[in-house]
C-alpha cells in the first residue's frame, strides 16, 4: 500500500480518491450556487458564511446586530 504524505496526514490511494471526489462535489455545489445567485450573490453568501464561522468561534450571539425571529415572531437566539 503506497501512502501519500499531506498536511492532513497519510492517505492511501483510496483516501486521495475520496478527497478528489469531495473537491469535485464542492465545485459542483459552488457552480450551482453561482448559477442560482449570480456572482454577486455567491460572493455575498461566502462573506455571510465566513462571518457565521468566525462568529461561531467567538460567540454565537455576536453574529447579528438584531435578533433573528422565527415564523412565529419569537427571538430564535433565546429559544431553548
C-alpha atoms as a PDB file:
ATOM      1  CA  UNK A   1       0.000   0.000   0.000  1.00  0.00           C
ATOM      2  CA  UNK A   2       1.523   3.315  -1.106  1.00  0.00           C
ATOM      3  CA  UNK A   3       0.889   6.278   1.171  1.00  0.00           C
ATOM      4  CA  UNK A   4       0.949   9.947   0.271  1.00  0.00           C
ATOM      5  CA  UNK A   5       2.064  12.480   2.887  1.00  0.00           C
ATOM      6  CA  UNK A   6      -0.172  15.548   3.080  1.00  0.00           C
ATOM      7  CA  UNK A   7      -0.649  18.224   5.733  1.00  0.00           C
ATOM      8  CA  UNK A   8      -3.778  16.357   6.902  1.00  0.00           C
ATOM      9  CA  UNK A   9      -1.898  13.076   7.352  1.00  0.00           C
ATOM     10  CA  UNK A  10      -1.111   9.982   5.375  1.00  0.00           C
ATOM     11  CA  UNK A  11      -3.568   8.956   2.707  1.00  0.00           C
ATOM     12  CA  UNK A  12      -3.844   5.805   0.692  1.00  0.00           C
ATOM     13  CA  UNK A  13      -4.838   5.995  -2.942  1.00  0.00           C
ATOM     14  CA  UNK A  14      -8.417   5.373  -1.880  1.00  0.00           C
ATOM     15  CA  UNK A  15      -8.174   8.281   0.565  1.00  0.00           C
ATOM     16  CA  UNK A  16      -6.807  10.568  -2.159  1.00  0.00           C
ATOM     17  CA  UNK A  17      -9.658   9.458  -4.420  1.00  0.00           C
ATOM     18  CA  UNK A  18     -12.143  10.368  -1.681  1.00  0.00           C
ATOM     19  CA  UNK A  19     -10.580  13.822  -1.295  1.00  0.00           C
ATOM     20  CA  UNK A  20     -10.742  14.315  -5.079  1.00  0.00           C
ATOM     21  CA  UNK A  21     -14.403  13.244  -5.128  1.00  0.00           C
ATOM     22  CA  UNK A  22     -15.163  15.687  -2.311  1.00  0.00           C
ATOM     23  CA  UNK A  23     -13.487  18.512  -4.192  1.00  0.00           C
ATOM     24  CA  UNK A  24     -15.447  17.660  -7.333  1.00  0.00           C
ATOM     25  CA  UNK A  25     -18.675  17.680  -5.313  1.00  0.00           C
ATOM     26  CA  UNK A  26     -17.845  21.054  -3.761  1.00  0.00           C
ATOM     27  CA  UNK A  27     -17.024  22.534  -7.179  1.00  0.00           C
ATOM     28  CA  UNK A  28     -20.404  21.339  -8.450  1.00  0.00           C
ATOM     29  CA  UNK A  29     -22.175  22.907  -5.487  1.00  0.00           C
ATOM     30  CA  UNK A  30     -20.269  26.171  -6.000  1.00  0.00           C
ATOM     31  CA  UNK A  31     -21.289  26.191  -9.662  1.00  0.00           C
ATOM     32  CA  UNK A  32     -24.961  25.612  -8.807  1.00  0.00           C
ATOM     33  CA  UNK A  33     -24.881  28.409  -6.230  1.00  0.00           C
ATOM     34  CA  UNK A  34     -23.348  30.794  -8.765  1.00  0.00           C
ATOM     35  CA  UNK A  35     -25.946  29.829 -11.369  1.00  0.00           C
ATOM     36  CA  UNK A  36     -28.768  30.395  -8.870  1.00  0.00           C
ATOM     37  CA  UNK A  37     -27.499  33.580  -7.180  1.00  0.00           C
ATOM     38  CA  UNK A  38     -25.131  35.069  -9.743  1.00  0.00           C
ATOM     39  CA  UNK A  39     -21.542  36.043  -8.990  1.00  0.00           C
ATOM     40  CA  UNK A  40     -22.528  38.858  -6.636  1.00  0.00           C
ATOM     41  CA  UNK A  41     -24.987  36.734  -4.687  1.00  0.00           C
ATOM     42  CA  UNK A  42     -22.460  33.928  -4.425  1.00  0.00           C
ATOM     43  CA  UNK A  43     -19.815  36.332  -3.129  1.00  0.00           C
ATOM     44  CA  UNK A  44     -22.308  37.709  -0.602  1.00  0.00           C
ATOM     45  CA  UNK A  45     -23.150  34.179   0.561  1.00  0.00           C
ATOM     46  CA  UNK A  46     -19.452  33.358   1.002  1.00  0.00           C
ATOM     47  CA  UNK A  47     -18.991  36.506   3.103  1.00  0.00           C
ATOM     48  CA  UNK A  48     -22.000  35.580   5.232  1.00  0.00           C
ATOM     49  CA  UNK A  49     -20.762  32.025   5.744  1.00  0.00           C
ATOM     50  CA  UNK A  50     -17.308  33.286   6.765  1.00  0.00           C
ATOM     51  CA  UNK A  51     -18.977  35.663   9.190  1.00  0.00           C
ATOM     52  CA  UNK A  52     -21.019  32.784  10.607  1.00  0.00           C
ATOM     53  CA  UNK A  53     -17.921  30.646  11.083  1.00  0.00           C
ATOM     54  CA  UNK A  54     -15.996  33.471  12.722  1.00  0.00           C
ATOM     55  CA  UNK A  55     -18.901  34.323  14.986  1.00  0.00           C
ATOM     56  CA  UNK A  56     -19.300  30.681  15.931  1.00  0.00           C
ATOM     57  CA  UNK A  57     -15.720  30.678  17.146  1.00  0.00           C
ATOM     58  CA  UNK A  58     -16.188  33.860  19.158  1.00  0.00           C
ATOM     59  CA  UNK A  59     -19.777  33.746  20.322  1.00  0.00           C
ATOM     60  CA  UNK A  60     -22.990  32.763  18.594  1.00  0.00           C
ATOM     61  CA  UNK A  61     -24.610  35.931  19.948  1.00  0.00           C
ATOM     62  CA  UNK A  62     -22.133  38.270  18.223  1.00  0.00           C
ATOM     63  CA  UNK A  63     -23.290  37.093  14.798  1.00  0.00           C
ATOM     64  CA  UNK A  64     -26.039  39.596  14.208  1.00  0.00           C
ATOM     65  CA  UNK A  65     -26.896  43.030  15.491  1.00  0.00           C
ATOM     66  CA  UNK A  66     -30.626  42.365  15.631  1.00  0.00           C
ATOM     67  CA  UNK A  67     -32.296  39.170  16.881  1.00  0.00           C
ATOM     68  CA  UNK A  68     -33.304  36.565  14.343  1.00  0.00           C
ATOM     69  CA  UNK A  69     -37.038  35.953  14.503  1.00  0.00           C
ATOM     70  CA  UNK A  70     -38.826  32.761  13.622  1.00  0.00           C
ATOM     71  CA  UNK A  71     -42.094  32.499  11.715  1.00  0.00           C
ATOM     72  CA  UNK A  72     -43.960  32.964  14.994  1.00  0.00           C
ATOM     73  CA  UNK A  73     -42.060  36.160  15.843  1.00  0.00           C
ATOM     74  CA  UNK A  74     -40.005  34.623  18.640  1.00  0.00           C
ATOM     75  CA  UNK A  75     -36.352  35.529  19.017  1.00  0.00           C
ATOM     76  CA  UNK A  76     -34.563  32.375  17.842  1.00  0.00           C
ATOM     77  CA  UNK A  77     -31.395  33.120  19.821  1.00  0.00           C
ATOM     78  CA  UNK A  78     -33.313  32.889  23.091  1.00  0.00           C
ATOM     79  CA  UNK A  79     -35.404  29.856  22.108  1.00  0.00           C
ATOM     80  CA  UNK A  80     -34.365  26.813  24.114  1.00  0.00           C
END
